[in-house]
Amino acid sequence: MSDSLREMTSHIRDVALLDVYAKTVKTMERLGKKFNTGVNRWNIEIPLTVQEFATVVGTSRESVSRVFSRLKKE
């Protein structure tokens, strides 16, 4: 139970204090740790739309799309 509380507190702190880029990357890292198949660190297959992912991050769809574009370029 304490692990769940710690995780929720961390998530709330991130949503409140971080910028959109950092929130998006942190959310992707969290989902990667939770749903990674073990084959590739960045291979995450979760059936989420960009809008649903933006809701999880706590921002707009357009902002998440911009971050995804920036990450692809990097």
C-alpha atoms as a PDB file:
ATOM      1  CA  MET A   1       0.000   0.000   0.000  1.00  0.00           C
ATOM      2  CA  SER A   2       2.852   2.392   0.797  1.00  0.00           C
ATOM      3  CA  ASP A   3       4.349   1.756  -2.660  1.00  0.00           C
ATOM      4  CA  SER A   4       1.062   2.722  -4.292  1.00  0.00           C
ATOM      5  CA  LEU A   5       0.841   5.869  -2.180  1.00  0.00           C
ATOM      6  CA  ARG A   6       4.447   6.789  -3.012  1.00  0.00           C
ATOM      7  CA  GLU A   7       3.798   6.275  -6.721  1.00  0.00           C
ATOM      8  CA  MET A   8       0.620   8.371  -6.637  1.00  0.00           C
ATOM      9  CA  THR A   9       2.354  11.161  -4.707  1.00  0.00           C
ATOM     10  CA  SER A  10       5.179  11.188  -7.234  1.00  0.00           C
ATOM     11  CA  HIS A  11       2.717  11.318 -10.131  1.00  0.00           C
ATOM     12  CA  ILE A  12       0.758  14.204  -8.600  1.00  0.00           C
ATOM     13  CA  ARG A  13       3.961  16.128  -7.865  1.00  0.00           C
ATOM     14  CA  ASP A  14       5.126  15.653 -11.462  1.00  0.00           C
ATOM     15  CA  VAL A  15       1.811  16.833 -12.907  1.00  0.00           C
ATOM     16  CA  ALA A  16       1.821  19.928 -10.705  1.00  0.00           C
ATOM     17  CA  LEU A  17       5.459  20.990 -11.004  1.00  0.00           C
ATOM     18  CA  LEU A  18       6.982  19.812 -14.290  1.00  0.00           C
ATOM     19  CA  ASP A  19       6.689  21.272 -17.777  1.00  0.00           C
ATOM     20  CA  VAL A  20       4.905  19.390 -20.573  1.00  0.00           C
ATOM     21  CA  TYR A  21       8.095  17.872 -22.008  1.00  0.00           C
ATOM     22  CA  ALA A  22       9.245  16.501 -18.644  1.00  0.00           C
ATOM     23  CA  LYS A  23       5.761  15.232 -17.746  1.00  0.00           C
ATOM     24  CA  THR A  24       5.469  13.406 -21.065  1.00  0.00           C
ATOM     25  CA  VAL A  25       8.896  11.781 -20.767  1.00  0.00           C
ATOM     26  CA  LYS A  26       8.301  10.773 -17.127  1.00  0.00           C
ATOM     27  CA  THR A  27       4.928   9.264 -18.032  1.00  0.00           C
ATOM     28  CA  MET A  28       6.520   7.306 -20.865  1.00  0.00           C
ATOM     29  CA  GLU A  29       9.190   6.045 -18.452  1.00  0.00           C
ATOM     30  CA  ARG A  30       6.542   4.969 -15.943  1.00  0.00           C
ATOM     31  CA  LEU A  31       4.551   3.150 -18.599  1.00  0.00           C
ATOM     32  CA  GLY A  32       7.747   1.584 -19.918  1.00  0.00           C
ATOM     33  CA  LYS A  33       8.611   0.174 -16.511  1.00  0.00           C
ATOM     34  CA  LYS A  34       5.087  -1.129 -16.057  1.00  0.00           C
ATOM     35  CA  PHE A  35       4.398  -2.583 -19.522  1.00  0.00           C
ATOM     36  CA  ASN A  36       7.840  -3.326 -20.992  1.00  0.00           C
ATOM     37  CA  THR A  37       8.138  -6.752 -22.590  1.00  0.00           C
ATOM     38  CA  GLY A  38      11.849  -6.937 -21.766  1.00  0.00           C
ATOM     39  CA  VAL A  39      13.011  -7.140 -25.380  1.00  0.00           C
ATOM     40  CA  ASN A  40      13.630  -3.437 -25.992  1.00  0.00           C
ATOM     41  CA  ARG A  41      13.663  -0.674 -23.384  1.00  0.00           C
ATOM     42  CA  TRP A  42      11.598   1.697 -25.547  1.00  0.00           C
ATOM     43  CA  ASN A  43       9.241  -0.863 -27.072  1.00  0.00           C
ATOM     44  CA  ILE A  44       5.930  -0.241 -25.337  1.00  0.00           C
ATOM     45  CA  GLU A  45       2.701  -1.457 -26.901  1.00  0.00           C
ATOM     46  CA  ILE A  46      -0.271   0.079 -25.138  1.00  0.00           C
ATOM     47  CA  PRO A  47      -3.461   0.813 -27.069  1.00  0.00           C
ATOM     48  CA  LEU A  48      -3.727   4.509 -26.137  1.00  0.00           C
ATOM     49  CA  THR A  49      -4.674   7.348 -28.418  1.00  0.00           C
ATOM     50  CA  VAL A  50      -2.741  10.602 -28.200  1.00  0.00           C
ATOM     51  CA  GLN A  51      -5.784  12.157 -26.505  1.00  0.00           C
ATOM     52  CA  GLU A  52      -5.863   9.409 -23.853  1.00  0.00           C
ATOM     53  CA  PHE A  53      -2.124   9.749 -23.275  1.00  0.00           C
ATOM     54  CA  ALA A  54      -2.525  13.527 -22.925  1.00  0.00           C
ATOM     55  CA  THR A  55      -5.212  12.946 -20.299  1.00  0.00           C
ATOM     56  CA  VAL A  56      -2.839  10.690 -18.352  1.00  0.00           C
ATOM     57  CA  VAL A  57      -0.093  13.324 -18.612  1.00  0.00           C
ATOM     58  CA  GLY A  58      -2.474  16.121 -17.659  1.00  0.00           C
ATOM     59  CA  THR A  59      -2.093  18.315 -20.738  1.00  0.00           C
ATOM     60  CA  SER A  60      -3.590  18.883 -24.178  1.00  0.00           C
ATOM     61  CA  ARG A  61      -3.334  16.590 -27.182  1.00  0.00           C
ATOM     62  CA  GLU A  62      -1.518  19.259 -29.172  1.00  0.00           C
ATOM     63  CA  SER A  63       1.180  19.648 -26.521  1.00  0.00           C
ATOM     64  CA  VAL A  64       1.807  15.909 -26.386  1.00  0.00           C
ATOM     65  CA  SER A  65       1.967  15.747 -30.191  1.00  0.00           C
ATOM     66  CA  ARG A  66       4.619  18.493 -30.175  1.00  0.00           C
ATOM     67  CA  VAL A  67       6.660  16.597 -27.580  1.00  0.00           C
ATOM     68  CA  PHE A  68       6.384  13.370 -29.594  1.00  0.00           C
ATOM     69  CA  SER A  69       7.597  15.224 -32.700  1.00  0.00           C
ATOM     70  CA  ARG A  70      10.517  16.693 -30.756  1.00  0.00           C
ATOM     71  CA  LEU A  71      11.463  13.269 -29.398  1.00  0.00           C
ATOM     72  CA  LYS A  72      11.371  11.751 -32.881  1.00  0.00           C
ATOM     73  CA  LYS A  73      13.747  14.443 -34.134  1.00  0.00           C
ATOM     74  CA  GLU A  74      16.135  13.863 -31.232  1.00  0.00           C
END
